[in-house]
Amino acid sequence: MKVLIVDDAIFMRVTLKQMLEKNGYNVVGDARNGTEGVQKYHELQPDLVTMDITMPEMDGLAALKEIRQINPKAKVLMISGMGQERHVKEAVLAGACGFILKPFNEEQVIRGLSKFK
């Protein structure tokens, strides 16, 4: 399964990449914000996107909506910090296939992604 990671924190991108690759996922790319995420989605056509919500330039909610315009069946798993529950609800209503709350551990991430394998 090809995965694109979109998060403004390099630490989170590296951590997610290590977790996913260790568990058999193919991380095809990463992006620092929603604008880059949409561009890379279009270029790489991943099977799944992990998307942070709070990012500069274009946030994850706007990027989710743009990706769903490119491909209405796109699978986007939102990643949100504690205290952003209203954003999570908005993301699910906009077509996100699920969400993971930060801080997370490897088991939570893999469990969240396993339903899409």
N, C-alpha and C. Protein backbone atom coordinates (compact mmCIF):
# COMPACT_ATOMS: atom_id res chain seq x y z
N MET A 1 0.83 -1.18 0.00
CA MET A 1 0.00 0.00 0.00
C MET A 1 0.88 1.25 0.00
N LYS A 2 0.63 2.15 -0.94
CA LYS A 2 1.41 3.39 -1.05
C LYS A 2 0.78 4.45 -0.15
N VAL A 3 1.64 5.08 0.68
CA VAL A 3 1.16 6.08 1.64
C VAL A 3 1.91 7.40 1.44
N LEU A 4 1.16 8.49 1.52
CA LEU A 4 1.71 9.84 1.52
C LEU A 4 1.49 10.42 2.91
N ILE A 5 2.54 10.98 3.51
CA ILE A 5 2.46 11.57 4.85
C ILE A 5 2.49 13.09 4.71
N VAL A 6 1.48 13.77 5.28
CA VAL A 6 1.42 15.23 5.22
C VAL A 6 1.37 15.76 6.65
N ASP A 7 2.45 16.44 7.05
CA ASP A 7 2.55 17.01 8.41
C ASP A 7 3.61 18.09 8.38
N ASP A 8 3.36 19.20 9.07
CA ASP A 8 4.33 20.29 9.05
C ASP A 8 5.54 20.03 9.93
N ALA A 9 5.47 19.08 10.83
CA ALA A 9 6.59 18.77 11.73
C ALA A 9 7.43 17.63 11.15
N ILE A 10 8.69 17.92 10.88
CA ILE A 10 9.57 16.89 10.31
C ILE A 10 9.67 15.69 11.24
N PHE A 11 9.68 15.93 12.54
CA PHE A 11 9.74 14.83 13.50
C PHE A 11 8.56 13.88 13.30
N MET A 12 7.37 14.42 13.09
CA MET A 12 6.19 13.57 12.89
C MET A 12 6.28 12.81 11.57
N ARG A 13 6.76 13.47 10.52
CA ARG A 13 6.89 12.79 9.23
C ARG A 13 7.87 11.62 9.33
N VAL A 14 9.01 11.87 9.97
CA VAL A 14 10.03 10.82 10.11
C VAL A 14 9.50 9.68 10.99
N THR A 15 8.86 10.03 12.10
CA THR A 15 8.32 9.02 13.01
C THR A 15 7.27 8.15 12.31
N LEU A 16 6.33 8.78 11.62
CA LEU A 16 5.31 8.02 10.90
C LEU A 16 5.92 7.14 9.82
N LYS A 17 6.88 7.69 9.08
CA LYS A 17 7.52 6.91 8.02
C LYS A 17 8.17 5.66 8.59
N GLN A 18 8.90 5.80 9.69
CA GLN A 18 9.56 4.64 10.31
C GLN A 18 8.54 3.61 10.77
N MET A 19 7.47 4.07 11.42
CA MET A 19 6.42 3.15 11.89
C MET A 19 5.80 2.39 10.73
N LEU A 20 5.47 3.13 9.67
CA LEU A 20 4.77 2.51 8.54
C LEU A 20 5.66 1.53 7.79
N GLU A 21 6.89 1.96 7.49
CA GLU A 21 7.79 1.07 6.74
C GLU A 21 8.11 -0.19 7.53
N LYS A 22 8.26 -0.05 8.83
CA LYS A 22 8.53 -1.21 9.71
C LYS A 22 7.39 -2.22 9.63
N ASN A 23 6.18 -1.74 9.32
CA ASN A 23 5.00 -2.59 9.28
C ASN A 23 4.53 -2.90 7.86
N GLY A 24 5.42 -2.74 6.88
CA GLY A 24 5.14 -3.18 5.53
C GLY A 24 4.47 -2.20 4.60
N TYR A 25 4.33 -0.95 5.02
CA TYR A 25 3.75 0.07 4.14
C TYR A 25 4.84 0.70 3.29
N ASN A 26 4.48 1.15 2.10
CA ASN A 26 5.40 1.81 1.19
C ASN A 26 5.13 3.31 1.24
N VAL A 27 5.98 4.06 1.96
CA VAL A 27 5.81 5.51 2.03
C VAL A 27 6.42 6.11 0.76
N VAL A 28 5.54 6.62 -0.10
CA VAL A 28 5.99 7.12 -1.41
C VAL A 28 6.37 8.59 -1.38
N GLY A 29 6.04 9.29 -0.31
CA GLY A 29 6.40 10.69 -0.22
C GLY A 29 5.87 11.34 1.04
N ASP A 30 6.31 12.57 1.26
CA ASP A 30 5.80 13.35 2.38
C ASP A 30 5.72 14.81 1.97
N ALA A 31 4.93 15.57 2.73
CA ALA A 31 4.73 16.98 2.44
C ALA A 31 4.65 17.77 3.73
N ARG A 32 5.06 19.05 3.66
CA ARG A 32 5.13 19.92 4.84
C ARG A 32 3.86 20.70 5.11
N ASN A 33 2.96 20.75 4.15
CA ASN A 33 1.71 21.50 4.33
C ASN A 33 0.67 20.98 3.34
N GLY A 34 -0.54 21.52 3.46
CA GLY A 34 -1.62 21.04 2.60
C GLY A 34 -1.40 21.30 1.13
N THR A 35 -0.80 22.44 0.80
CA THR A 35 -0.54 22.75 -0.60
C THR A 35 0.36 21.70 -1.23
N GLU A 36 1.47 21.41 -0.55
CA GLU A 36 2.39 20.36 -1.03
C GLU A 36 1.69 19.00 -1.05
N GLY A 37 0.87 18.75 -0.04
CA GLY A 37 0.17 17.48 0.04
C GLY A 37 -0.74 17.24 -1.15
N VAL A 38 -1.48 18.27 -1.55
CA VAL A 38 -2.36 18.15 -2.72
C VAL A 38 -1.53 17.91 -3.98
N GLN A 39 -0.44 18.66 -4.14
CA GLN A 39 0.42 18.49 -5.32
C GLN A 39 0.98 17.07 -5.37
N LYS A 40 1.49 16.59 -4.23
CA LYS A 40 2.08 15.25 -4.20
C LYS A 40 1.03 14.16 -4.36
N TYR A 41 -0.18 14.41 -3.86
CA TYR A 41 -1.25 13.44 -4.08
C TYR A 41 -1.49 13.28 -5.58
N HIS A 42 -1.57 14.39 -6.26
CA HIS A 42 -1.81 14.37 -7.70
C HIS A 42 -0.67 13.65 -8.43
N GLU A 43 0.57 13.92 -8.05
CA GLU A 43 1.75 13.31 -8.70
C GLU A 43 1.89 11.82 -8.38
N LEU A 44 1.76 11.47 -7.10
CA LEU A 44 2.11 10.12 -6.63
C LEU A 44 0.93 9.16 -6.61
N GLN A 45 -0.27 9.67 -6.56
CA GLN A 45 -1.49 8.86 -6.49
C GLN A 45 -1.38 7.73 -5.45
N PRO A 46 -1.17 8.10 -4.19
CA PRO A 46 -1.05 7.07 -3.15
C PRO A 46 -2.40 6.40 -2.87
N ASP A 47 -2.33 5.25 -2.22
CA ASP A 47 -3.54 4.54 -1.82
C ASP A 47 -4.16 5.17 -0.58
N LEU A 48 -3.31 5.82 0.23
CA LEU A 48 -3.75 6.39 1.50
C LEU A 48 -2.90 7.61 1.84
N VAL A 49 -3.53 8.60 2.47
CA VAL A 49 -2.82 9.80 2.92
C VAL A 49 -3.04 9.94 4.42
N THR A 50 -1.96 10.18 5.17
CA THR A 50 -2.11 10.60 6.56
C THR A 50 -1.95 12.12 6.55
N MET A 51 -2.89 12.82 7.16
CA MET A 51 -2.96 14.28 7.03
C MET A 51 -3.11 14.94 8.40
N ASP A 52 -2.12 15.76 8.75
CA ASP A 52 -2.23 16.60 9.94
C ASP A 52 -3.31 17.64 9.67
N ILE A 53 -3.92 18.17 10.71
CA ILE A 53 -4.96 19.18 10.51
C ILE A 53 -4.37 20.59 10.54
N THR A 54 -3.58 20.89 11.56
CA THR A 54 -3.05 22.25 11.71
C THR A 54 -1.70 22.37 11.04
N MET A 55 -1.67 23.11 9.91
CA MET A 55 -0.43 23.32 9.16
C MET A 55 -0.46 24.72 8.54
N PRO A 56 0.72 25.27 8.23
CA PRO A 56 0.76 26.57 7.57
C PRO A 56 0.37 26.45 6.08
N GLU A 57 0.16 27.57 5.46
CA GLU A 57 -0.20 27.70 4.04
C GLU A 57 -1.60 27.18 3.75
N MET A 58 -1.77 25.87 3.80
CA MET A 58 -3.10 25.27 3.64
C MET A 58 -3.23 24.21 4.72
N ASP A 59 -4.30 24.30 5.52
CA ASP A 59 -4.46 23.31 6.59
C ASP A 59 -4.97 21.99 6.03
N GLY A 60 -5.00 20.99 6.90
CA GLY A 60 -5.38 19.65 6.48
C GLY A 60 -6.82 19.53 6.02
N LEU A 61 -7.72 20.33 6.60
CA LEU A 61 -9.12 20.27 6.18
C LEU A 61 -9.29 20.75 4.75
N ALA A 62 -8.64 21.87 4.41
CA ALA A 62 -8.71 22.38 3.04
C ALA A 62 -8.06 21.41 2.07
N ALA A 63 -6.93 20.83 2.47
CA ALA A 63 -6.24 19.86 1.60
C ALA A 63 -7.10 18.62 1.40
N LEU A 64 -7.73 18.15 2.45
CA LEU A 64 -8.64 17.00 2.35
C LEU A 64 -9.72 17.27 1.30
N LYS A 65 -10.32 18.44 1.37
CA LYS A 65 -11.39 18.79 0.42
C LYS A 65 -10.87 18.83 -1.02
N GLU A 66 -9.67 19.38 -1.21
CA GLU A 66 -9.10 19.43 -2.56
C GLU A 66 -8.76 18.03 -3.07
N ILE A 67 -8.21 17.19 -2.21
CA ILE A 67 -7.87 15.82 -2.62
C ILE A 67 -9.14 15.06 -2.98
N ARG A 68 -10.21 15.27 -2.21
CA ARG A 68 -11.47 14.58 -2.50
C ARG A 68 -12.10 15.09 -3.81
N GLN A 69 -11.75 16.31 -4.22
CA GLN A 69 -12.21 16.80 -5.53
C GLN A 69 -11.43 16.10 -6.64
N ILE A 70 -10.14 15.86 -6.42
CA ILE A 70 -9.32 15.14 -7.40
C ILE A 70 -9.81 13.70 -7.53
N ASN A 71 -10.06 13.08 -6.36
CA ASN A 71 -10.50 11.69 -6.32
C ASN A 71 -11.51 11.52 -5.19
N PRO A 72 -12.80 11.46 -5.50
CA PRO A 72 -13.83 11.33 -4.46
C PRO A 72 -13.68 10.07 -3.60
N LYS A 73 -12.93 9.10 -4.08
CA LYS A 73 -12.73 7.86 -3.31
C LYS A 73 -11.40 7.87 -2.55
N ALA A 74 -10.70 8.99 -2.53
CA ALA A 74 -9.41 9.07 -1.84
C ALA A 74 -9.57 8.71 -0.37
N LYS A 75 -8.60 7.97 0.14
CA LYS A 75 -8.59 7.58 1.55
C LYS A 75 -7.61 8.50 2.28
N VAL A 76 -8.17 9.35 3.14
CA VAL A 76 -7.36 10.30 3.90
C VAL A 76 -7.65 10.08 5.37
N LEU A 77 -6.60 9.76 6.12
CA LEU A 77 -6.69 9.53 7.55
C LEU A 77 -6.13 10.76 8.25
N MET A 78 -6.98 11.47 8.98
CA MET A 78 -6.58 12.71 9.63
C MET A 78 -5.84 12.42 10.94
N ILE A 79 -4.86 13.26 11.22
CA ILE A 79 -4.11 13.16 12.47
C ILE A 79 -4.23 14.50 13.17
N SER A 80 -4.72 14.46 14.41
CA SER A 80 -5.04 15.69 15.10
C SER A 80 -4.50 15.67 16.52
N GLY A 81 -4.10 16.85 16.98
CA GLY A 81 -3.69 16.98 18.37
C GLY A 81 -4.89 17.02 19.29
N MET A 82 -4.65 16.74 20.55
CA MET A 82 -5.72 16.82 21.55
C MET A 82 -6.32 18.22 21.54
N GLY A 83 -7.60 18.33 21.82
CA GLY A 83 -8.25 19.62 21.87
C GLY A 83 -8.74 20.11 20.52
N GLN A 84 -8.63 19.29 19.49
CA GLN A 84 -9.09 19.68 18.16
C GLN A 84 -10.27 18.82 17.70
N GLU A 85 -11.08 18.38 18.66
CA GLU A 85 -12.16 17.46 18.34
C GLU A 85 -13.14 18.02 17.30
N ARG A 86 -13.41 19.32 17.35
CA ARG A 86 -14.35 19.87 16.38
C ARG A 86 -13.79 19.78 14.96
N HIS A 87 -12.45 19.89 14.83
CA HIS A 87 -11.82 19.74 13.52
C HIS A 87 -11.95 18.31 13.03
N VAL A 88 -11.84 17.36 13.95
CA VAL A 88 -11.96 15.95 13.59
C VAL A 88 -13.35 15.68 13.03
N LYS A 89 -14.38 16.21 13.70
CA LYS A 89 -15.75 16.03 13.23
C LYS A 89 -15.91 16.65 11.84
N GLU A 90 -15.39 17.84 11.65
CA GLU A 90 -15.48 18.51 10.35
C GLU A 90 -14.76 17.69 9.27
N ALA A 91 -13.61 17.11 9.63
CA ALA A 91 -12.85 16.30 8.68
C ALA A 91 -13.63 15.06 8.26
N VAL A 92 -14.25 14.40 9.20
CA VAL A 92 -15.02 13.20 8.89
C VAL A 92 -16.21 13.57 7.99
N LEU A 93 -16.86 14.68 8.30
CA LEU A 93 -17.97 15.14 7.46
C LEU A 93 -17.51 15.50 6.05
N ALA A 94 -16.24 15.94 5.92
CA ALA A 94 -15.69 16.32 4.61
C ALA A 94 -15.17 15.11 3.84
N GLY A 95 -15.21 13.92 4.45
CA GLY A 95 -14.83 12.72 3.72
C GLY A 95 -13.61 11.99 4.23
N ALA A 96 -13.04 12.42 5.35
CA ALA A 96 -11.91 11.67 5.92
C ALA A 96 -12.38 10.27 6.29
N CYS A 97 -11.51 9.29 6.10
CA CYS A 97 -11.90 7.92 6.38
C CYS A 97 -11.65 7.52 7.83
N GLY A 98 -11.11 8.44 8.61
CA GLY A 98 -10.86 8.17 10.02
C GLY A 98 -9.91 9.19 10.59
N PHE A 99 -9.56 9.00 11.86
CA PHE A 99 -8.63 9.92 12.49
C PHE A 99 -7.85 9.24 13.59
N ILE A 100 -6.69 9.81 13.86
CA ILE A 100 -5.83 9.36 14.96
C ILE A 100 -5.49 10.61 15.76
N LEU A 101 -5.61 10.52 17.08
CA LEU A 101 -5.28 11.66 17.93
C LEU A 101 -3.81 11.61 18.35
N LYS A 102 -3.15 12.79 18.31
CA LYS A 102 -1.79 12.93 18.84
C LYS A 102 -1.91 13.20 20.33
N PRO A 103 -1.01 12.76 21.15
CA PRO A 103 0.11 11.90 20.79
C PRO A 103 -0.38 10.47 20.56
N PHE A 104 0.28 9.77 19.65
CA PHE A 104 -0.12 8.41 19.32
C PHE A 104 1.07 7.48 19.50
N ASN A 105 0.78 6.17 19.49
CA ASN A 105 1.86 5.19 19.51
C ASN A 105 1.74 4.33 18.26
N GLU A 106 2.75 3.52 18.03
CA GLU A 106 2.79 2.71 16.80
C GLU A 106 1.57 1.81 16.66
N GLU A 107 1.15 1.20 17.74
CA GLU A 107 0.00 0.29 17.69
C GLU A 107 -1.26 1.02 17.21
N GLN A 108 -1.49 2.25 17.71
CA GLN A 108 -2.66 3.02 17.30
C GLN A 108 -2.61 3.34 15.80
N VAL A 109 -1.45 3.73 15.31
CA VAL A 109 -1.30 4.09 13.90
C VAL A 109 -1.55 2.87 13.02
N ILE A 110 -0.92 1.77 13.34
CA ILE A 110 -1.05 0.56 12.51
C ILE A 110 -2.49 0.04 12.56
N ARG A 111 -3.10 0.09 13.73
CA ARG A 111 -4.51 -0.33 13.84
C ARG A 111 -5.39 0.59 12.99
N GLY A 112 -5.12 1.90 13.02
CA GLY A 112 -5.89 2.85 12.23
C GLY A 112 -5.74 2.64 10.74
N LEU A 113 -4.56 2.22 10.31
CA LEU A 113 -4.31 2.01 8.88
C LEU A 113 -4.70 0.61 8.40
N SER A 114 -4.72 -0.35 9.30
CA SER A 114 -4.89 -1.75 8.89
C SER A 114 -6.24 -2.00 8.21
N LYS A 115 -7.25 -1.22 8.53
CA LYS A 115 -8.55 -1.43 7.88
C LYS A 115 -8.55 -1.04 6.41
N PHE A 116 -7.46 -0.40 5.95
CA PHE A 116 -7.39 0.03 4.55
C PHE A 116 -6.49 -0.86 3.72
N LYS A 117 -5.82 -1.82 4.34
CA LYS A 117 -4.89 -2.70 3.62
C LYS A 117 -5.63 -3.65 2.71
